[in-house]
N, C-alpha and C. Protein backbone atom coordinates (compact mmCIF):
# COMPACT_ATOMS: atom_id res chain seq x y z
N MET A 1 36.93 72.00 2.51
CA MET A 1 35.99 70.70 3.03
C MET A 1 34.85 71.04 3.70
N ARG A 2 33.49 70.72 3.51
CA ARG A 2 32.39 70.90 4.17
C ARG A 2 31.94 69.65 4.88
N VAL A 3 31.94 69.73 6.30
CA VAL A 3 31.05 68.73 7.09
C VAL A 3 29.90 68.80 7.56
N VAL A 4 28.68 67.99 7.31
CA VAL A 4 27.33 68.36 8.01
C VAL A 4 27.16 67.08 9.08
N VAL A 5 27.27 67.84 9.90
CA VAL A 5 26.69 66.49 11.44
C VAL A 5 25.36 66.83 11.68
N VAL A 6 24.70 65.58 11.63
CA VAL A 6 23.54 65.38 11.98
C VAL A 6 23.16 64.96 13.20
N GLY A 7 22.34 65.87 13.94
CA GLY A 7 22.34 65.36 15.09
C GLY A 7 23.11 66.24 16.25
N GLY A 8 22.71 67.38 16.97
CA GLY A 8 23.97 68.03 17.61
C GLY A 8 24.01 67.79 19.05
N VAL A 9 23.04 67.42 19.65
CA VAL A 9 22.93 67.37 21.09
C VAL A 9 24.24 66.02 21.33
N ALA A 10 24.82 66.09 22.47
CA ALA A 10 26.16 64.65 22.94
C ALA A 10 26.85 64.54 21.66
N GLY A 11 26.42 63.53 20.94
CA GLY A 11 27.46 62.75 20.19
C GLY A 11 27.73 64.13 19.27
N GLY A 12 26.80 64.45 18.55
CA GLY A 12 27.28 65.27 17.19
C GLY A 12 27.74 66.51 17.50
N MET A 13 27.63 66.89 18.65
CA MET A 13 28.48 68.15 19.43
C MET A 13 30.06 67.67 19.50
N SER A 14 30.06 66.75 19.96
CA SER A 14 31.42 65.84 20.49
C SER A 14 32.23 65.91 19.19
N ALA A 15 31.38 65.08 18.16
CA ALA A 15 32.14 64.93 16.89
C ALA A 15 32.78 66.31 15.97
N ALA A 16 31.77 67.46 16.30
CA ALA A 16 31.93 68.75 15.55
C ALA A 16 33.26 69.36 16.17
N ALA A 17 33.31 69.59 17.71
CA ALA A 17 34.35 69.53 18.36
C ALA A 17 35.44 69.63 18.29
N ARG A 18 35.61 67.94 18.06
CA ARG A 18 36.86 67.20 17.78
C ARG A 18 37.35 67.24 16.28
N LEU A 19 36.47 67.63 15.37
CA LEU A 19 36.67 67.98 14.08
C LEU A 19 37.29 69.38 14.01
N ARG A 20 36.65 70.20 14.75
CA ARG A 20 37.32 71.75 14.66
C ARG A 20 38.53 71.49 15.21
N ARG A 21 39.05 70.65 16.34
CA ARG A 21 40.25 70.92 16.62
C ARG A 21 41.36 70.29 15.83
N ARG A 22 40.78 69.38 14.95
CA ARG A 22 41.59 68.48 14.04
C ARG A 22 41.63 69.63 12.51
N ASP A 23 40.82 70.18 12.44
CA ASP A 23 40.92 71.17 11.04
C ASP A 23 40.34 72.26 11.17
N GLU A 24 41.14 73.51 11.66
CA GLU A 24 40.77 74.76 11.50
C GLU A 24 40.02 75.19 10.67
N GLY A 25 39.96 74.63 9.43
CA GLY A 25 39.62 75.29 7.98
C GLY A 25 38.39 74.73 7.67
N ALA A 26 37.70 73.57 8.06
CA ALA A 26 36.80 72.91 7.44
C ALA A 26 35.44 74.00 8.02
N GLU A 27 34.52 73.95 6.87
CA GLU A 27 33.39 74.25 7.08
C GLU A 27 32.43 72.95 7.68
N ILE A 28 31.86 73.47 9.02
CA ILE A 28 31.17 72.16 9.94
C ILE A 28 29.60 72.85 9.89
N ILE A 29 28.94 72.11 9.78
CA ILE A 29 27.36 72.87 9.79
C ILE A 29 26.98 71.54 10.60
N VAL A 30 26.29 71.85 11.87
CA VAL A 30 25.62 70.91 12.63
C VAL A 30 24.19 71.16 12.61
N LEU A 31 23.35 70.28 12.09
CA LEU A 31 21.76 70.08 12.02
C LEU A 31 21.26 69.22 13.54
N GLU A 32 20.62 70.27 14.31
CA GLU A 32 19.75 69.86 15.26
C GLU A 32 18.11 69.70 15.17
N ARG A 33 17.32 68.92 15.45
CA ARG A 33 16.12 68.69 15.15
C ARG A 33 15.61 69.77 15.92
N SER A 34 16.02 69.73 17.48
CA SER A 34 15.22 70.42 18.41
C SER A 34 15.89 71.99 18.42
N LYS A 35 15.40 72.55 19.43
CA LYS A 35 15.90 74.17 19.44
C LYS A 35 16.66 74.05 20.70
N TYR A 36 17.30 72.94 21.17
CA TYR A 36 18.19 72.77 22.35
C TYR A 36 19.66 72.31 21.59
N VAL A 37 20.79 72.99 21.37
CA VAL A 37 21.93 71.95 21.08
C VAL A 37 22.85 71.88 21.98
N SER A 38 22.99 72.10 23.31
CA SER A 38 23.58 72.00 24.21
C SER A 38 23.10 72.11 25.64
N PHE A 39 23.13 71.44 26.67
CA PHE A 39 22.46 71.42 27.52
C PHE A 39 22.81 70.63 28.68
N ALA A 40 22.61 70.64 29.92
CA ALA A 40 23.05 69.92 31.04
C ALA A 40 21.94 68.77 31.42
N ASN A 41 22.35 67.63 30.76
CA ASN A 41 21.59 66.55 31.29
C ASN A 41 21.40 66.30 32.81
N CYS A 42 22.31 66.43 33.54
CA CYS A 42 22.38 66.46 35.01
C CYS A 42 21.66 67.24 35.81
N GLY A 43 21.20 68.44 34.93
CA GLY A 43 20.24 69.42 35.56
C GLY A 43 19.06 68.98 35.66
N LEU A 44 18.41 68.24 34.14
CA LEU A 44 17.01 67.89 34.21
C LEU A 44 16.46 67.78 35.63
N PRO A 45 16.72 66.83 36.41
CA PRO A 45 15.84 66.39 37.38
C PRO A 45 15.68 67.59 38.48
N TYR A 46 17.07 68.55 38.64
CA TYR A 46 16.57 69.38 39.41
C TYR A 46 15.88 70.74 38.85
N TYR A 47 15.78 70.69 37.51
CA TYR A 47 14.30 71.43 37.58
C TYR A 47 13.19 71.10 37.25
N VAL A 48 13.08 69.60 36.95
CA VAL A 48 11.44 69.00 37.36
C VAL A 48 11.38 69.23 38.81
N GLY A 49 12.27 68.81 39.69
CA GLY A 49 11.95 68.84 41.24
C GLY A 49 11.72 70.60 41.68
N GLY A 50 12.14 71.29 40.68
CA GLY A 50 11.85 72.89 41.34
C GLY A 50 13.38 73.38 41.95
N GLU A 51 14.40 72.73 42.24
CA GLU A 51 15.61 73.66 42.58
C GLU A 51 16.32 74.40 41.72
N ILE A 52 16.25 74.03 40.42
CA ILE A 52 16.54 75.17 39.19
C ILE A 52 15.11 75.51 38.71
N GLU A 53 14.95 76.81 39.10
CA GLU A 53 13.63 77.37 38.52
C GLU A 53 13.63 77.95 37.28
N ASP A 54 14.66 78.40 36.39
CA ASP A 54 14.87 78.88 35.30
C ASP A 54 15.34 78.04 34.27
N PRO A 55 14.56 77.53 33.30
CA PRO A 55 15.14 76.62 32.56
C PRO A 55 16.28 77.13 31.39
N ALA A 56 16.42 78.45 31.30
CA ALA A 56 17.77 78.76 30.69
C ALA A 56 19.13 78.52 31.53
N LYS A 57 18.85 78.39 32.62
CA LYS A 57 19.98 77.48 33.37
C LYS A 57 20.66 76.31 33.07
N LEU A 58 19.57 75.68 32.36
CA LEU A 58 20.18 74.23 32.06
C LEU A 58 20.85 74.20 30.48
N LEU A 59 20.66 75.34 29.70
CA LEU A 59 21.52 75.54 28.77
C LEU A 59 22.95 75.85 28.95
N LEU A 60 24.05 75.16 27.91
CA LEU A 60 25.32 75.37 28.11
C LEU A 60 25.74 76.09 27.10
N HIS A 61 25.32 75.99 25.80
CA HIS A 61 25.73 76.93 24.65
C HIS A 61 24.33 77.03 23.79
N THR A 62 24.45 78.03 22.85
CA THR A 62 23.76 78.33 21.93
C THR A 62 24.28 78.26 20.85
N PRO A 63 23.73 78.12 19.42
CA PRO A 63 24.16 78.43 18.06
C PRO A 63 25.36 79.56 18.18
N GLN A 64 24.95 80.49 18.52
CA GLN A 64 25.71 81.87 18.31
C GLN A 64 27.21 81.70 19.57
N THR A 65 26.79 81.14 20.60
CA THR A 65 28.18 80.86 21.39
C THR A 65 29.06 79.73 20.78
N LEU A 66 28.34 78.77 19.92
CA LEU A 66 29.25 77.91 19.56
C LEU A 66 29.79 78.45 18.25
N LYS A 67 29.35 79.28 17.52
CA LYS A 67 29.86 80.41 16.30
C LYS A 67 31.11 80.85 16.89
N ALA A 68 31.05 81.51 17.92
CA ALA A 68 32.00 82.23 18.42
C ALA A 68 33.22 81.35 19.02
N ALA A 69 32.91 80.20 19.66
CA ALA A 69 33.91 79.52 20.62
C ALA A 69 34.65 78.51 19.33
N LEU A 70 33.71 78.16 18.73
CA LEU A 70 34.52 77.03 17.57
C LEU A 70 34.07 77.08 16.28
N ASN A 71 33.83 78.35 15.97
CA ASN A 71 33.47 78.58 14.36
C ASN A 71 32.56 77.63 13.66
N LEU A 72 31.48 77.22 14.62
CA LEU A 72 30.85 75.87 13.97
C LEU A 72 29.29 76.64 13.45
N ASP A 73 28.70 76.44 12.56
CA ASP A 73 27.39 76.96 11.77
C ASP A 73 26.45 75.73 12.77
N VAL A 74 25.75 76.11 13.46
CA VAL A 74 24.75 75.23 14.23
C VAL A 74 23.52 75.87 13.79
N ARG A 75 22.39 75.09 13.15
CA ARG A 75 21.05 74.95 12.82
C ARG A 75 20.24 74.48 13.77
N ILE A 76 19.65 75.09 14.26
CA ILE A 76 18.50 74.46 15.42
C ILE A 76 17.27 74.58 14.29
N ASN A 77 16.34 73.53 15.06
CA ASN A 77 14.93 73.70 14.41
C ASN A 77 15.41 72.96 12.82
N SER A 78 16.35 72.13 12.58
CA SER A 78 16.56 71.70 11.44
C SER A 78 16.63 70.15 11.41
N GLU A 79 15.59 69.52 10.68
CA GLU A 79 15.31 68.17 10.74
C GLU A 79 15.81 67.57 9.33
N VAL A 80 16.80 66.49 9.11
CA VAL A 80 17.14 66.08 7.78
C VAL A 80 16.09 65.17 7.72
N THR A 81 15.51 65.17 6.31
CA THR A 81 14.30 64.29 6.12
C THR A 81 14.67 63.48 4.87
N ALA A 82 15.90 63.53 4.36
CA ALA A 82 16.31 62.84 3.11
C ALA A 82 17.87 62.82 3.24
N ILE A 83 18.45 61.82 2.80
CA ILE A 83 19.82 61.47 2.51
C ILE A 83 20.06 61.29 1.36
N ASN A 84 21.15 61.73 0.20
CA ASN A 84 21.07 61.37 -0.94
C ASN A 84 22.95 61.16 -0.92
N PRO A 85 23.33 59.69 -0.73
CA PRO A 85 24.87 59.55 -0.77
C PRO A 85 25.15 59.55 -2.26
N GLY A 86 24.67 59.44 -3.16
CA GLY A 86 25.34 59.72 -4.68
C GLY A 86 25.24 61.04 -4.89
N ALA A 87 24.86 61.84 -4.34
CA ALA A 87 24.93 63.78 -4.79
C ALA A 87 25.41 64.09 -3.41
N HIS A 88 25.95 63.72 -2.46
CA HIS A 88 26.45 63.96 -1.17
C HIS A 88 25.25 65.04 -0.46
N SER A 89 24.10 64.81 -0.75
CA SER A 89 23.48 66.00 -0.27
C SER A 89 22.53 65.44 0.94
N VAL A 90 21.80 66.00 1.69
CA VAL A 90 20.91 66.29 2.73
C VAL A 90 19.80 67.26 2.18
N GLN A 91 18.28 66.61 2.47
CA GLN A 91 17.16 67.45 2.51
C GLN A 91 17.11 67.81 3.82
N VAL A 92 16.98 68.93 4.03
CA VAL A 92 16.67 69.56 5.40
C VAL A 92 15.21 70.60 5.52
N THR A 93 14.68 70.38 6.57
CA THR A 93 13.36 71.11 6.63
C THR A 93 13.33 71.79 7.84
N ASP A 94 13.08 73.06 7.98
CA ASP A 94 12.67 73.83 9.27
C ASP A 94 11.60 73.38 9.85
N THR A 95 11.93 72.84 11.22
CA THR A 95 10.88 72.52 12.12
C THR A 95 9.92 73.43 12.66
N GLU A 96 10.02 75.02 12.42
CA GLU A 96 9.24 75.90 12.71
C GLU A 96 8.51 76.53 11.42
N THR A 97 9.10 76.56 10.54
CA THR A 97 8.50 77.30 9.20
C THR A 97 7.94 76.22 8.35
N GLY A 98 8.61 75.04 8.24
CA GLY A 98 8.11 74.16 7.14
C GLY A 98 9.15 74.27 5.85
N GLU A 99 9.74 75.44 5.83
CA GLU A 99 10.50 75.64 4.56
C GLU A 99 11.76 74.51 4.69
N ALA A 100 12.06 73.81 3.27
CA ALA A 100 13.13 73.07 3.04
C ALA A 100 13.89 73.26 2.01
N TYR A 101 15.52 72.84 2.41
CA TYR A 101 16.63 73.15 1.26
C TYR A 101 17.26 71.82 1.39
N THR A 102 18.24 71.94 0.29
CA THR A 102 19.47 70.79 0.14
C THR A 102 20.63 71.54 0.44
N LEU A 103 21.38 70.49 1.06
CA LEU A 103 22.46 71.05 1.79
C LEU A 103 23.51 70.02 1.35
N THR A 104 24.55 70.46 0.64
CA THR A 104 25.60 69.40 0.12
C THR A 104 27.05 69.40 1.14
N TYR A 105 27.32 68.36 1.21
CA TYR A 105 28.50 67.89 2.17
C TYR A 105 29.59 67.12 1.41
N ASP A 106 30.83 67.26 1.94
CA ASP A 106 32.11 66.60 1.41
C ASP A 106 31.98 64.91 2.31
N HIS A 107 31.81 65.28 3.56
CA HIS A 107 31.70 64.48 4.40
C HIS A 107 30.39 64.52 5.41
N LEU A 108 29.73 63.32 5.89
CA LEU A 108 28.75 63.37 6.77
C LEU A 108 29.09 62.63 7.61
N ILE A 109 28.52 63.24 8.92
CA ILE A 109 28.31 62.54 10.37
C ILE A 109 26.77 62.31 10.63
N LEU A 110 26.61 60.96 11.24
CA LEU A 110 25.30 60.69 11.69
C LEU A 110 25.38 60.65 13.29
N SER A 111 24.76 61.41 13.81
CA SER A 111 24.60 61.14 15.29
C SER A 111 23.31 61.37 15.76
N PRO A 112 22.13 60.67 15.44
CA PRO A 112 20.69 60.66 15.61
C PRO A 112 20.33 60.69 17.07
N GLY A 113 21.12 60.12 17.92
CA GLY A 113 20.51 60.05 19.23
C GLY A 113 19.81 58.94 19.45
N ALA A 114 19.02 59.08 20.28
CA ALA A 114 18.28 57.67 20.99
C ALA A 114 16.71 58.35 21.59
N VAL A 115 16.10 57.27 21.83
CA VAL A 115 14.93 57.81 22.66
C VAL A 115 15.09 56.75 23.93
N ALA A 116 14.02 57.28 24.90
CA ALA A 116 14.41 56.64 26.34
C ALA A 116 13.98 55.87 26.42
N ALA A 117 14.22 54.56 26.95
CA ALA A 117 14.18 53.33 27.25
C ALA A 117 12.96 53.08 27.92
N ARG A 118 11.95 52.39 27.73
CA ARG A 118 10.72 51.98 28.50
C ARG A 118 10.32 50.51 28.38
N PRO A 119 10.64 50.03 29.65
CA PRO A 119 10.57 48.67 30.09
C PRO A 119 9.24 48.14 29.90
N PRO A 120 9.11 46.83 29.43
CA PRO A 120 7.53 46.51 29.62
C PRO A 120 6.97 46.12 30.83
N ALA A 121 6.44 47.32 31.32
CA ALA A 121 5.83 47.38 32.64
C ALA A 121 4.21 47.83 32.86
N ASP A 122 3.61 47.35 33.43
CA ASP A 122 2.19 48.06 33.56
C ASP A 122 2.24 49.12 34.23
N GLY A 123 0.99 49.80 33.43
CA GLY A 123 1.05 51.22 33.77
C GLY A 123 1.99 52.54 33.02
N LEU A 124 2.90 51.99 32.07
CA LEU A 124 3.66 52.80 31.59
C LEU A 124 2.79 53.83 30.59
N ASP A 125 1.77 53.26 30.24
CA ASP A 125 0.96 54.06 29.31
C ASP A 125 0.12 55.27 29.94
N SER A 126 0.38 55.08 31.44
CA SER A 126 -0.63 56.23 32.14
C SER A 126 -0.04 57.76 31.64
N PRO A 127 -0.98 58.60 31.66
CA PRO A 127 -0.70 60.10 31.27
C PRO A 127 0.44 60.75 32.37
N ARG A 128 0.53 59.99 33.49
CA ARG A 128 1.12 60.43 34.61
C ARG A 128 2.80 60.09 34.60
N VAL A 129 2.89 59.08 33.49
CA VAL A 129 4.27 58.52 33.14
C VAL A 129 5.13 59.26 32.41
N HIS A 130 6.32 59.99 32.50
CA HIS A 130 6.99 60.41 31.37
C HIS A 130 8.66 60.08 31.36
N THR A 131 9.12 60.45 30.54
CA THR A 131 10.50 59.91 30.50
C THR A 131 11.34 61.33 30.76
N LEU A 132 12.74 61.50 30.77
CA LEU A 132 13.45 62.61 31.09
C LEU A 132 14.77 62.34 30.49
N ARG A 133 14.63 62.80 29.28
CA ARG A 133 15.74 62.72 28.39
C ARG A 133 16.06 64.27 27.75
N THR A 134 15.44 65.22 27.35
CA THR A 134 15.76 66.20 27.17
C THR A 134 15.04 67.57 27.65
N VAL A 135 15.55 68.83 27.48
CA VAL A 135 14.60 69.88 27.90
C VAL A 135 13.27 69.88 27.68
N ASP A 136 13.04 69.58 26.39
CA ASP A 136 11.47 69.55 26.00
C ASP A 136 10.67 68.61 27.14
N ASP A 137 11.51 67.31 27.47
CA ASP A 137 10.98 66.39 28.36
C ASP A 137 10.73 66.92 29.95
N ALA A 138 12.03 67.69 30.35
CA ALA A 138 11.70 68.51 31.54
C ALA A 138 10.66 69.65 31.69
N LEU A 139 10.30 70.51 30.68
CA LEU A 139 9.45 71.33 30.40
C LEU A 139 8.01 70.85 30.32
N ALA A 140 7.84 69.55 29.65
CA ALA A 140 6.45 68.93 29.94
C ALA A 140 6.24 68.36 30.97
């Protein structure tokens, strides 16, 4: 059985880990659009504030550590650009190289995440106002 999980951070990783605990033999592929698959959200303000100086200290897992610990095939920089439910496939594009490929699945889990909420307030369009949800947000 091949399971493809779209969206690695937070919900997607939780679903993949839970599935692994339930089925040791499943082939589980996690597709994450960013280059970070597991990071400490609570550490982001400490990085921005300078208390954590090395952004690598925000990372909890890498594709390699998740392969070793849970036998997950985690593919970072992988954006799903189309889903074909009839063919049980997704079209995936590598965000760094632009290469595209089709990946088939028996089961598909969608965990696309969210964007930071921005209330309708004056001044939010200022270049000095930022959201803080991801490692990339913190680095910016």
